[in-house]
Amino acid sequence: MSTTIKNTQQKSALSPFKYRVFTVMWLAALVSNIGTWMHSVGAGWLMTSLSPSAIDIALVQTATTLPVFLFALPAGALADIFNRKTLLILTNIAMLGAAIVFAMIVSFEQVTVNSLLLFTFLLGAGAAFMAPAWQSVIPSMVKSEDLPQAVALGGISINLSRAIGPALAGILISIYGIASPFIANAISFIMIISALWWWQYSPPEISRTRSPEHIGSAMKAGVRFALHSTALKATMWHVFGFMFFANAFWGLLPLLSKEQLAGDATFFGLMMGAIGFGAVAGGLVLPRIKNHLNANQMVIVGTLGTSLVTAFFAITTHQNAALFASLIFGVSWILVLASFNTSAQLALPEWVRARGLAVFLMVFFGSMSLGATFWGWLASVASMQTAMISAAIGGVVFIFFSYQSKLQQSKTDDHSPSHHWPEPASLDRDLYEAGPVKIQICYEIDIKNKNAFLQAIYRLKDIRGRNGSHSWGVYEDTDNESFFIEHFMEDSWEQHLRHHDRVTHADKPLQDAVLAFHKGLTAPKVKHYLAAYPIKGDKS
């Protein structure tokens, strides 16, 4: 019986591998991630030789994560507007070029603190442009029922590469010198470029007749969605607090390994590898854990684990104990990250997936960047022990501030377009960019249902905002208290047409609940008003 259960759960954990495209892309990402971790370990270890300062070493982590905070949103907009496969190929080619140049600089012993931070920043910028597009294509590789485990396997890929890459980097540094992991990182890009070239990608059908959005309006729409999505905001709140406190561990780990634990490059690689193996193990048993814990509970368990390990690293000087604690950190880390990533994916419809994930990644890496800088600064003015213990306490305390924000709120929502709004009267194509547009909907209700109607319609505010509207409001007729007007604004007529495409099956029940209060003989009257301006130079 136990063997049967184990086999069933293992099959569930690895179920996305039944899709050929997912398997090929997962393996390609694994090779690329191994190269990335080899660069990360090499950069961290190289900085300990160039500068023993805690703040300089922490800045390596900042240079890696800050670009995602800066560039993720325009990258997400590009990924939602243009072909995601093409964007991924071009981004990886650019990263390959940067990796080759940096490997040459290190090989010729011309590297400095500034050049190390610069090229780490450039590769981080490439990762920023790649991440939203990469995460947004995962749902196109598997069926919806396999998406949570596909997301988890993405985390396993990163952590398996963390297990292999750092250990391999440590060995290469010991045998061939400090330039070897950077050369290997450059080579690793060839695998993912080849896989992307092979993939027959079909872009999702998002709009029925609309032309591509401009990048500025696309970015604005992505931010509006994030600001009005309760599910995504709850996820980002969890991410911000956890990553800020947990990043004391990542930012100070190279210095802890070298000074407190008296380790060399090989030991540092083994410690990073132990974290990776722990995360892989945690990812493989994730389906079993989900049978007993919901997403919030998994985050609590994972946060307690990472905080305890962070505090332990503040006091331990034993290498074997540090390796075992690193395994625990890896298991805890994947419990938290798998919950966050799945929660973000489930909150997003296809039209805004890359942009929504970009905002999520901005918070994710922004808090990492802020945390690495802050804890590095605290370690430099106080001590590493003070920084680590403070971060551990902060992580535990944050649990009490975030628990009420539920993760995976959209788990059962259908985000596919419902197209239940009738198409408005068409305008000349030349006027599509004109705006702003004011939409007015008139309701007639039974006065005894006034409060229930208002409670229902105010729940529409976030739905309207998620889909691109702004300046939303409801007004009561002063002459007839049974009449109400709902209004909102769109930036242009084209944007309003996009709003028609973006209404989902998950939105429809609430809209139907509002319409149920309308007692008119016909449907509520909808009026559209286009902003009017005088013609310049016409004095008639």
Protein backbone atom coordinates (compact mmCIF):
# COMPACT_ATOMS: atom_id res chain seq x y z
CA MET A 1 0.00 0.00 0.00
CA SER A 2 2.72 2.49 0.97
CA THR A 3 4.64 1.75 -2.23
CA THR A 4 1.54 2.46 -4.31
CA ILE A 5 0.94 5.76 -2.53
CA LYS A 6 4.57 6.75 -2.95
CA ASN A 7 4.53 5.99 -6.68
CA THR A 8 1.30 7.96 -7.15
CA GLN A 9 2.71 10.99 -5.40
CA GLN A 10 5.98 10.78 -7.29
CA LYS A 11 4.06 10.66 -10.55
CA SER A 12 2.09 13.71 -9.46
CA ALA A 13 5.27 15.58 -8.54
CA LEU A 14 6.83 14.89 -11.93
CA SER A 15 3.65 14.98 -14.03
CA PRO A 16 4.67 18.02 -16.18
CA PHE A 17 7.50 15.93 -17.66
CA LYS A 18 4.93 14.07 -19.74
CA TYR A 19 4.91 17.17 -21.97
CA ARG A 20 7.85 17.09 -24.38
CA VAL A 21 8.17 20.87 -24.69
CA PHE A 22 8.19 21.34 -20.93
CA THR A 23 10.86 18.64 -20.52
CA VAL A 24 13.17 20.13 -23.15
CA MET A 25 12.77 23.68 -21.87
CA TRP A 26 13.16 22.56 -18.25
CA LEU A 27 16.46 20.82 -19.06
CA ALA A 28 17.67 23.85 -21.03
CA ALA A 29 16.77 26.14 -18.14
CA LEU A 30 18.55 23.77 -15.75
CA VAL A 31 21.81 24.04 -17.73
CA SER A 32 21.47 27.81 -17.96
CA ASN A 33 20.68 28.07 -14.24
CA ILE A 34 23.75 25.97 -13.42
CA GLY A 35 25.82 28.51 -15.32
CA THR A 36 24.10 31.37 -13.51
CA TRP A 37 24.86 29.86 -10.10
CA MET A 38 28.45 29.22 -11.15
CA HIS A 39 28.71 32.91 -11.98
CA SER A 40 27.03 33.83 -8.68
CA VAL A 41 29.42 31.73 -6.60
CA GLY A 42 32.41 32.88 -8.63
CA ALA A 43 31.40 36.53 -8.28
CA GLY A 44 30.81 36.24 -4.54
CA TRP A 45 34.12 34.45 -4.00
CA LEU A 46 36.00 36.81 -6.32
CA MET A 47 34.69 39.80 -4.36
CA THR A 48 36.07 38.34 -1.11
CA SER A 49 39.51 38.51 -2.79
CA LEU A 50 39.01 41.97 -4.28
CA SER A 51 37.47 43.47 -1.13
CA PRO A 52 36.85 41.95 2.32
CA SER A 53 34.18 44.58 3.09
CA ALA A 54 30.80 43.16 4.10
CA ILE A 55 28.99 45.91 2.21
CA ASP A 56 30.94 45.24 -1.02
CA ILE A 57 30.21 41.52 -0.80
CA ALA A 58 26.51 42.20 -0.16
CA LEU A 59 26.50 44.57 -3.16
CA VAL A 60 27.17 41.57 -5.42
CA GLN A 61 23.73 40.29 -4.40
CA THR A 62 22.30 43.78 -4.88
CA ALA A 63 23.80 44.05 -8.38
CA THR A 64 22.17 40.73 -9.24
CA THR A 65 18.70 41.56 -7.96
CA LEU A 66 18.35 45.34 -8.44
CA PRO A 67 18.02 45.14 -12.26
CA VAL A 68 14.91 43.01 -11.91
CA PHE A 69 13.36 45.71 -9.75
CA LEU A 70 14.31 48.38 -12.31
CA PHE A 71 13.53 46.60 -15.58
CA ALA A 72 10.96 43.88 -14.87
CA LEU A 73 7.91 46.03 -15.66
CA PRO A 74 9.02 47.20 -19.14
CA ALA A 75 10.21 43.64 -19.75
CA GLY A 76 6.80 42.31 -18.79
CA ALA A 77 5.09 44.82 -21.05
CA LEU A 78 7.31 43.77 -23.96
CA ALA A 79 6.53 40.12 -23.26
CA ASP A 80 2.77 40.79 -23.37
CA ILE A 81 3.02 42.88 -26.55
CA PHE A 82 5.59 41.00 -28.66
CA ASN A 83 6.39 37.36 -29.36
CA ARG A 84 7.75 35.93 -26.11
CA LYS A 85 9.96 33.36 -27.84
CA THR A 86 11.73 36.06 -29.89
CA LEU A 87 12.22 38.19 -26.79
CA LEU A 88 13.72 35.25 -24.91
CA ILE A 89 16.14 34.41 -27.75
CA LEU A 90 17.36 38.01 -28.14
CA THR A 91 17.78 38.44 -24.38
CA ASN A 92 19.84 35.25 -24.04
CA ILE A 93 22.06 36.23 -26.98
CA ALA A 94 22.77 39.58 -25.27
CA MET A 95 23.55 37.79 -21.98
CA LEU A 96 25.87 35.41 -23.83
CA GLY A 97 27.81 38.39 -25.16
CA ALA A 98 28.12 39.98 -21.71
CA ALA A 99 29.21 36.66 -20.15
CA ILE A 100 31.93 36.18 -22.79
CA VAL A 101 33.34 39.69 -22.26
CA PHE A 102 33.42 39.31 -18.48
CA ALA A 103 35.05 35.88 -18.69
CA MET A 104 37.80 37.43 -20.82
CA ILE A 105 38.31 40.29 -18.35
CA VAL A 106 38.72 37.84 -15.48
CA SER A 107 40.97 35.56 -17.54
CA PHE A 108 43.34 38.45 -18.29
CA GLU A 109 43.26 39.51 -14.60
CA GLN A 110 41.81 42.94 -15.39
CA VAL A 111 38.81 42.63 -13.09
CA THR A 112 38.10 45.27 -10.42
CA VAL A 113 35.37 45.73 -7.82
CA ASN A 114 33.53 48.12 -10.15
CA SER A 115 33.80 45.90 -13.25
CA LEU A 116 32.61 42.89 -11.26
CA LEU A 117 29.56 44.82 -10.05
CA LEU A 118 28.95 46.25 -13.55
CA PHE A 119 28.88 42.93 -15.37
CA THR A 120 26.89 41.30 -12.58
CA PHE A 121 24.40 44.15 -13.02
CA LEU A 122 24.32 43.66 -16.81
CA LEU A 123 23.65 39.93 -16.47
CA GLY A 124 21.03 40.75 -13.87
CA ALA A 125 19.42 43.14 -16.37
CA GLY A 126 19.30 40.29 -18.88
CA ALA A 127 17.66 38.09 -16.27
CA ALA A 128 15.15 40.90 -15.63
CA PHE A 129 14.10 40.94 -19.30
CA MET A 130 13.99 37.16 -19.42
CA ALA A 131 12.11 36.36 -16.20
CA PRO A 132 8.59 37.71 -16.97
CA ALA A 133 8.58 36.21 -20.46
CA TRP A 134 9.90 32.87 -19.22
CA GLN A 135 7.41 32.54 -16.39
CA SER A 136 4.53 33.65 -18.59
CA VAL A 137 5.14 30.88 -21.15
CA ILE A 138 5.02 28.08 -18.57
CA PRO A 139 1.19 27.82 -18.72
CA SER A 140 1.45 27.27 -22.49
CA MET A 141 3.67 24.21 -21.96
CA VAL A 142 1.31 22.23 -19.69
CA LYS A 143 -2.39 21.81 -19.00
CA SER A 144 -3.93 23.94 -16.25
CA GLU A 145 -4.20 21.03 -13.79
CA ASP A 146 -0.43 20.52 -14.00
CA LEU A 147 0.47 24.21 -13.63
CA PRO A 148 1.12 24.24 -9.84
CA GLN A 149 3.59 21.38 -10.14
CA ALA A 150 5.15 22.90 -13.27
CA VAL A 151 5.78 26.04 -11.24
CA ALA A 152 7.23 23.92 -8.44
CA LEU A 153 9.47 22.10 -10.93
CA GLY A 154 10.69 25.48 -12.10
CA GLY A 155 11.77 26.13 -8.55
CA ILE A 156 13.34 22.67 -8.42
CA SER A 157 15.32 23.52 -11.58
CA ILE A 158 16.70 26.63 -9.92
CA ASN A 159 17.54 24.77 -6.74
CA LEU A 160 18.94 21.70 -8.47
CA SER A 161 21.20 24.07 -10.38
CA ARG A 162 22.05 25.67 -7.04
CA ALA A 163 23.08 22.22 -5.84
CA ILE A 164 25.20 21.46 -8.92
CA GLY A 165 26.45 24.88 -10.02
CA PRO A 166 28.11 26.10 -6.80
CA ALA A 167 29.79 22.75 -6.10
CA LEU A 168 31.02 22.60 -9.70
CA ALA A 169 32.20 26.22 -9.49
CA GLY A 170 34.15 25.49 -6.33
CA ILE A 171 35.86 22.52 -7.96
CA LEU A 172 36.64 24.48 -11.14
CA ILE A 173 38.07 27.40 -9.16
CA SER A 174 40.29 25.05 -7.16
CA ILE A 175 41.59 23.27 -10.29
CA TYR A 176 41.48 25.81 -13.12
CA GLY A 177 41.32 29.20 -11.42
CA ILE A 178 38.78 31.92 -10.77
CA ALA A 179 37.94 32.56 -14.46
CA SER A 180 36.63 29.03 -15.08
CA PRO A 181 33.08 29.44 -13.66
CA PHE A 182 32.56 32.57 -15.76
CA ILE A 183 33.67 30.73 -18.91
CA ALA A 184 31.27 27.89 -18.06
CA ASN A 185 28.45 30.38 -17.54
CA ALA A 186 29.00 31.78 -21.04
CA ILE A 187 28.86 28.29 -22.54
CA SER A 188 25.63 27.49 -20.68
CA PHE A 189 23.67 30.08 -22.67
CA ILE A 190 24.12 28.05 -25.86
CA MET A 191 21.81 25.31 -24.53
CA ILE A 192 18.86 27.55 -23.79
CA ILE A 193 19.24 29.53 -27.04
CA SER A 194 19.18 26.25 -28.98
CA ALA A 195 16.11 24.98 -27.11
CA LEU A 196 14.23 28.22 -27.70
CA TRP A 197 15.11 28.09 -31.40
CA TRP A 198 13.72 24.51 -31.56
CA TRP A 199 10.46 25.29 -29.76
CA GLN A 200 7.41 25.75 -32.03
CA TYR A 201 5.78 28.41 -29.88
CA SER A 202 2.23 29.58 -30.60
CA PRO A 203 1.41 32.96 -28.99
CA PRO A 204 -1.88 32.90 -27.03
CA GLU A 205 -4.94 34.53 -28.51
CA ILE A 206 -5.59 37.45 -26.17
CA SER A 207 -7.47 40.01 -28.25
CA ARG A 208 -10.04 39.45 -30.93
CA THR A 209 -9.30 42.39 -33.22
CA ARG A 210 -7.05 44.80 -31.35
CA SER A 211 -3.68 46.06 -32.47
CA PRO A 212 -0.66 45.67 -30.14
CA GLU A 213 -0.52 48.05 -27.18
CA HIS A 214 2.09 50.76 -26.89
CA ILE A 215 4.66 49.93 -24.23
CA GLY A 216 3.74 52.95 -22.07
CA SER A 217 0.05 52.11 -21.92
CA ALA A 218 0.88 48.43 -21.49
CA MET A 219 3.04 49.19 -18.44
CA LYS A 220 0.30 51.42 -17.01
CA ALA A 221 -2.28 48.66 -17.51
CA GLY A 222 -0.02 46.17 -15.74
CA VAL A 223 0.41 48.44 -12.73
CA ARG A 224 -3.34 49.12 -12.59
CA PHE A 225 -4.07 45.42 -12.60
CA ALA A 226 -1.60 44.81 -9.76
CA LEU A 227 -3.02 47.68 -7.69
CA HIS A 228 -6.58 46.36 -8.03
CA SER A 229 -5.91 42.62 -7.75
CA THR A 230 -6.54 41.55 -4.17
CA ALA A 231 -4.97 38.14 -4.81
CA LEU A 232 -1.78 39.54 -6.32
CA LYS A 233 -1.42 42.25 -3.66
CA ALA A 234 -1.70 39.66 -0.89
CA THR A 235 1.01 37.59 -2.57
CA MET A 236 3.33 40.57 -2.97
CA TRP A 237 2.89 41.58 0.66
CA HIS A 238 4.06 38.12 1.73
CA VAL A 239 6.95 38.26 -0.74
CA PHE A 240 8.20 41.66 0.40
CA GLY A 241 8.52 40.77 4.06
CA PHE A 242 9.90 37.28 3.60
CA MET A 243 12.53 38.21 1.02
CA PHE A 244 13.72 41.27 2.95
CA PHE A 245 14.52 39.25 6.06
CA ALA A 246 15.63 36.03 4.34
CA ASN A 247 18.16 37.87 2.20
CA ALA A 248 20.44 38.49 5.15
CA PHE A 249 21.37 34.84 4.74
CA TRP A 250 22.07 35.10 1.00
CA GLY A 251 23.85 38.46 1.16
CA LEU A 252 26.27 37.52 3.94
CA LEU A 253 26.78 33.82 3.14
CA PRO A 254 30.10 34.23 1.23
CA LEU A 255 31.66 36.16 4.11
CA LEU A 256 30.25 33.78 6.73
CA SER A 257 31.68 30.85 4.80
CA LYS A 258 35.13 32.35 4.51
CA GLU A 259 35.60 34.07 7.87
CA GLN A 260 33.33 32.42 10.45
CA LEU A 261 33.42 28.89 9.05
CA ALA A 262 37.01 29.09 7.71
CA GLY A 263 35.93 27.55 4.41
CA ASP A 264 37.51 27.72 0.96
CA ALA A 265 35.80 28.03 -2.43
CA THR A 266 35.04 24.30 -2.49
CA PHE A 267 33.30 24.44 0.90
CA PHE A 268 31.28 27.48 -0.17
CA GLY A 269 30.18 25.56 -3.25
CA LEU A 270 29.24 22.54 -1.13
CA MET A 271 27.20 24.71 1.20
CA MET A 272 25.32 26.26 -1.72
CA GLY A 273 24.89 22.77 -3.13
CA ALA A 274 23.40 21.57 0.16
CA ILE A 275 20.81 24.36 -0.04
CA GLY A 276 19.99 23.27 -3.57
CA PHE A 277 19.64 19.60 -2.66
CA GLY A 278 17.38 20.52 0.24
CA ALA A 279 15.18 22.57 -2.09
CA VAL A 280 15.02 19.72 -4.61
CA ALA A 281 13.98 17.29 -1.88
CA GLY A 282 11.36 19.75 -0.65
CA GLY A 283 10.01 20.23 -4.16
CA LEU A 284 9.65 16.49 -4.76
CA VAL A 285 7.59 15.97 -1.60
CA LEU A 286 5.58 19.16 -2.16
CA PRO A 287 2.44 17.33 -3.40
CA ARG A 288 2.37 15.27 -0.20
CA ILE A 289 2.83 18.38 1.95
CA LYS A 290 -0.04 20.10 0.10
CA ASN A 291 -2.35 17.34 1.31
CA HIS A 292 -1.82 18.55 4.88
CA LEU A 293 -0.97 22.26 4.65
CA ASN A 294 -2.50 25.12 2.69
CA ALA A 295 -0.34 27.79 1.07
CA ASN A 296 -0.30 30.12 4.08
CA GLN A 297 0.63 27.29 6.43
CA MET A 298 3.46 26.18 4.14
CA VAL A 299 4.80 29.74 4.15
CA ILE A 300 4.71 29.80 7.95
CA VAL A 301 6.61 26.51 8.19
CA GLY A 302 9.11 27.66 5.56
CA THR A 303 9.63 31.06 7.19
CA LEU A 304 10.24 29.47 10.59
CA GLY A 305 12.78 27.13 8.98
CA THR A 306 14.71 29.86 7.15
CA SER A 307 14.68 32.10 10.24
CA LEU A 308 15.99 29.36 12.52
CA VAL A 309 18.79 28.54 10.09
CA THR A 310 19.67 32.23 9.75
CA ALA A 311 19.95 32.52 13.54
CA PHE A 312 21.97 29.30 13.70
CA PHE A 313 24.48 30.62 11.16
CA ALA A 314 25.05 33.61 13.42
CA ILE A 315 26.59 31.39 16.10
CA THR A 316 27.94 28.20 14.48
CA THR A 317 31.59 27.66 13.57
CA HIS A 318 31.27 23.98 12.60
CA GLN A 319 31.31 23.21 8.90
CA ASN A 320 29.36 19.93 9.10
CA ALA A 321 26.62 21.57 11.15
CA ALA A 322 26.49 24.42 8.63
CA LEU A 323 26.06 21.94 5.76
CA PHE A 324 23.17 20.21 7.53
CA ALA A 325 21.55 23.56 8.34
CA SER A 326 21.91 24.51 4.67
CA LEU A 327 19.83 21.46 3.72
CA ILE A 328 17.09 22.62 6.12
CA PHE A 329 17.25 26.10 4.62
CA GLY A 330 16.77 24.67 1.13
CA VAL A 331 13.68 22.68 2.11
CA SER A 332 12.20 25.71 3.86
CA TRP A 333 13.07 27.99 0.94
CA ILE A 334 11.22 25.91 -1.66
CA LEU A 335 8.11 25.63 0.53
CA VAL A 336 7.86 29.40 0.58
CA LEU A 337 8.83 30.16 -3.01
CA ALA A 338 6.63 27.49 -4.57
CA SER A 339 3.66 28.91 -2.64
CA PHE A 340 4.45 32.47 -3.75
CA ASN A 341 5.03 31.65 -7.41
CA THR A 342 1.90 29.52 -7.72
CA SER A 343 -0.16 32.20 -5.99
CA ALA A 344 1.08 34.83 -8.46
CA GLN A 345 0.40 32.63 -11.51
CA LEU A 346 -3.12 31.80 -10.35
CA ALA A 347 -3.96 35.49 -9.88
CA LEU A 348 -3.26 36.44 -13.51
CA PRO A 349 -5.30 36.22 -16.72
CA GLU A 350 -3.35 35.66 -19.93
CA TRP A 351 -3.53 39.23 -21.26
CA VAL A 352 -1.55 40.61 -18.33
CA ARG A 353 0.40 37.53 -17.25
CA ALA A 354 3.90 38.77 -18.07
CA ARG A 355 3.23 42.26 -16.70
CA GLY A 356 1.65 40.92 -13.53
CA LEU A 357 4.56 38.56 -13.01
CA ALA A 358 6.89 41.50 -13.69
CA VAL A 359 5.31 43.51 -10.87
CA PHE A 360 5.54 40.42 -8.67
CA LEU A 361 9.23 40.04 -9.57
CA MET A 362 9.85 43.74 -8.93
CA VAL A 363 8.64 43.28 -5.37
CA PHE A 364 10.48 39.95 -5.09
CA PHE A 365 13.87 41.20 -6.23
CA GLY A 366 13.40 44.73 -4.94
CA SER A 367 13.01 43.38 -1.41
CA MET A 368 16.00 41.09 -1.98
CA SER A 369 18.11 44.03 -3.16
CA LEU A 370 16.98 46.21 -0.28
CA GLY A 371 17.56 43.37 2.19
CA ALA A 372 21.04 42.56 0.91
CA THR A 373 22.10 46.21 1.14
CA PHE A 374 20.53 46.77 4.55
CA TRP A 375 21.89 43.62 6.18
CA GLY A 376 25.31 44.20 4.63
CA TRP A 377 25.30 47.70 6.05
CA LEU A 378 24.21 46.47 9.49
CA ALA A 379 26.93 43.82 9.46
CA SER A 380 29.54 46.44 8.62
CA VAL A 381 28.51 48.89 11.37
CA ALA A 382 27.68 46.24 13.99
CA SER A 383 28.56 42.61 13.25
CA MET A 384 27.46 39.73 11.05
CA GLN A 385 26.01 38.01 14.11
CA THR A 386 23.86 41.04 14.91
CA ALA A 387 22.60 41.24 11.35
CA MET A 388 21.76 37.54 11.12
CA ILE A 389 19.95 37.34 14.46
CA SER A 390 18.02 40.54 13.74
CA ALA A 391 16.92 39.19 10.37
CA ALA A 392 15.84 35.88 11.93
CA ILE A 393 13.72 37.64 14.55
CA GLY A 394 12.24 39.95 11.92
CA GLY A 395 11.24 37.01 9.73
CA VAL A 396 9.33 35.36 12.58
CA VAL A 397 7.63 38.60 13.62
CA PHE A 398 6.51 39.25 10.04
CA ILE A 399 4.46 36.04 10.12
CA PHE A 400 1.99 37.76 12.44
CA PHE A 401 1.66 40.75 10.07
CA SER A 402 1.07 38.69 6.94
CA TYR A 403 -0.98 35.66 7.96
CA GLN A 404 -4.36 37.32 7.37
CA SER A 405 -3.39 38.02 3.74
CA LYS A 406 -4.47 34.79 2.11
CA LEU A 407 -2.37 33.26 -0.66
CA GLN A 408 -3.79 31.57 -3.79
CA GLN A 409 -7.11 33.40 -3.48
CA SER A 410 -7.76 32.89 -7.22
CA LYS A 411 -7.18 29.15 -7.15
CA THR A 412 -10.63 28.31 -8.51
CA ASP A 413 -11.19 31.40 -10.68
CA ASP A 414 -11.64 31.08 -14.43
CA HIS A 415 -9.54 33.86 -15.96
CA SER A 416 -10.43 33.06 -19.57
CA PRO A 417 -12.24 35.87 -21.48
CA SER A 418 -16.02 35.59 -21.24
CA HIS A 419 -16.79 38.10 -24.02
CA HIS A 420 -20.21 38.64 -22.45
CA TRP A 421 -20.08 42.41 -22.95
CA PRO A 422 -21.71 43.47 -26.23
CA GLU A 423 -19.40 45.29 -28.60
CA PRO A 424 -19.91 49.09 -28.45
CA ALA A 425 -20.69 51.05 -31.58
CA SER A 426 -17.55 51.14 -33.68
CA LEU A 427 -15.64 54.32 -34.47
CA ASP A 428 -13.36 55.21 -37.32
CA ARG A 429 -9.96 53.54 -36.80
CA ASP A 430 -8.37 56.99 -36.81
CA LEU A 431 -10.24 57.76 -33.58
CA TYR A 432 -9.15 54.64 -31.72
CA GLU A 433 -6.26 56.47 -30.08
CA ALA A 434 -8.53 59.40 -29.13
CA GLY A 435 -9.47 59.83 -25.53
CA PRO A 436 -9.97 59.77 -22.69
CA VAL A 437 -13.30 57.96 -22.81
CA LYS A 438 -15.99 58.19 -20.16
CA ILE A 439 -18.35 55.22 -19.73
CA GLN A 440 -21.66 55.76 -17.95
CA ILE A 441 -24.06 52.97 -16.90
CA CYS A 442 -27.54 53.88 -15.64
CA TYR A 443 -29.34 51.65 -13.12
CA GLU A 444 -32.88 51.80 -11.82
CA ILE A 445 -33.38 49.87 -8.58
CA ASP A 446 -35.95 49.26 -5.89
CA ILE A 447 -35.14 51.76 -3.11
CA LYS A 448 -35.45 49.10 -0.42
CA ASN A 449 -32.45 47.34 -2.02
CA LYS A 450 -30.30 50.48 -2.07
CA ASN A 451 -27.69 49.40 0.45
CA ALA A 452 -27.38 45.86 -0.94
CA PHE A 453 -27.02 47.32 -4.44
CA LEU A 454 -24.30 49.74 -3.34
CA GLN A 455 -22.39 47.00 -1.52
CA ALA A 456 -22.50 44.85 -4.66
CA ILE A 457 -21.53 47.57 -7.11
CA TYR A 458 -18.63 48.77 -4.98
CA ARG A 459 -17.15 45.31 -5.33
CA LEU A 460 -17.02 46.01 -9.07
CA LYS A 461 -14.49 48.81 -8.52
CA ASP A 462 -11.47 46.51 -8.42
CA ILE A 463 -12.73 44.48 -11.38
CA ARG A 464 -13.05 47.63 -13.48
CA GLY A 465 -9.63 48.82 -12.31
CA ARG A 466 -7.91 45.50 -13.02
CA ASN A 467 -9.12 45.63 -16.60
CA GLY A 468 -7.85 49.14 -17.32
CA SER A 469 -10.35 51.72 -16.06
CA HIS A 470 -9.75 54.54 -13.62
CA SER A 471 -11.65 57.37 -11.88
CA TRP A 472 -14.47 54.98 -10.99
CA GLY A 473 -17.52 56.23 -9.08
CA VAL A 474 -21.24 55.78 -8.34
CA TYR A 475 -23.72 58.67 -8.14
CA GLU A 476 -27.32 58.89 -6.97
CA ASP A 477 -29.92 60.97 -8.83
CA THR A 478 -31.02 63.82 -6.50
CA ASP A 479 -34.43 63.97 -8.15
CA ASN A 480 -35.13 60.23 -8.11
CA GLU A 481 -33.41 58.14 -5.46
CA SER A 482 -34.11 54.95 -7.45
CA PHE A 483 -31.71 56.02 -10.22
CA PHE A 484 -27.94 55.53 -9.99
CA ILE A 485 -25.09 56.14 -12.41
CA GLU A 486 -21.85 54.17 -12.42
CA HIS A 487 -19.04 55.77 -14.37
CA PHE A 488 -15.38 55.14 -15.08
CA MET A 489 -12.72 56.41 -17.46
CA GLU A 490 -10.50 54.74 -20.05
CA ASP A 491 -7.37 56.30 -21.55
CA SER A 492 -8.57 55.83 -25.14
CA TRP A 493 -11.29 54.21 -27.22
CA GLU A 494 -8.85 51.42 -28.11
CA GLN A 495 -8.22 50.80 -24.41
CA HIS A 496 -11.95 50.59 -23.80
CA LEU A 497 -12.25 47.96 -26.52
CA ARG A 498 -9.45 46.05 -24.79
CA HIS A 499 -11.52 46.22 -21.60
CA HIS A 500 -14.24 44.28 -23.44
CA ASP A 501 -11.70 41.56 -24.25
CA ARG A 502 -10.38 41.39 -20.68
CA VAL A 503 -13.61 40.68 -18.79
CA THR A 504 -13.36 37.10 -17.54
CA HIS A 505 -15.71 34.31 -16.53
CA ALA A 506 -14.59 34.96 -12.93
CA ASP A 507 -15.84 38.57 -13.22
CA LYS A 508 -19.25 37.66 -14.64
CA PRO A 509 -21.03 36.42 -11.46
CA LEU A 510 -20.43 39.69 -9.61
CA GLN A 511 -21.54 41.73 -12.61
CA ASP A 512 -24.65 39.55 -12.85
CA ALA A 513 -25.32 40.15 -9.14
CA VAL A 514 -25.26 43.92 -9.73
CA LEU A 515 -27.51 43.63 -12.79
CA ALA A 516 -30.01 41.62 -10.76
CA PHE A 517 -30.87 44.79 -8.81
CA HIS A 518 -31.84 46.65 -12.00
CA LYS A 519 -35.64 46.70 -12.35
CA GLY A 520 -35.92 48.46 -15.71
CA LEU A 521 -37.71 46.77 -18.59
CA THR A 522 -34.48 46.77 -20.58
CA ALA A 523 -30.83 46.31 -19.63
CA PRO A 524 -29.07 49.26 -17.95
CA LYS A 525 -28.32 51.93 -20.53
CA VAL A 526 -24.62 52.28 -21.33
CA LYS A 527 -23.32 55.57 -22.72
CA HIS A 528 -19.84 56.30 -24.07
CA TYR A 529 -18.38 59.81 -24.16
CA LEU A 530 -15.23 60.71 -26.04
CA ALA A 531 -13.27 63.75 -24.83
CA ALA A 532 -13.88 66.74 -27.12
CA TYR A 533 -11.37 69.50 -27.79
CA PRO A 534 -11.54 72.66 -29.95
CA ILE A 535 -9.75 72.55 -33.28
CA LYS A 536 -6.58 74.61 -33.08
CA GLY A 537 -6.51 77.57 -35.46
CA ASP A 538 -10.24 77.41 -36.19
CA LYS A 539 -11.79 80.73 -35.02
CA SER A 540 -15.18 80.24 -36.61
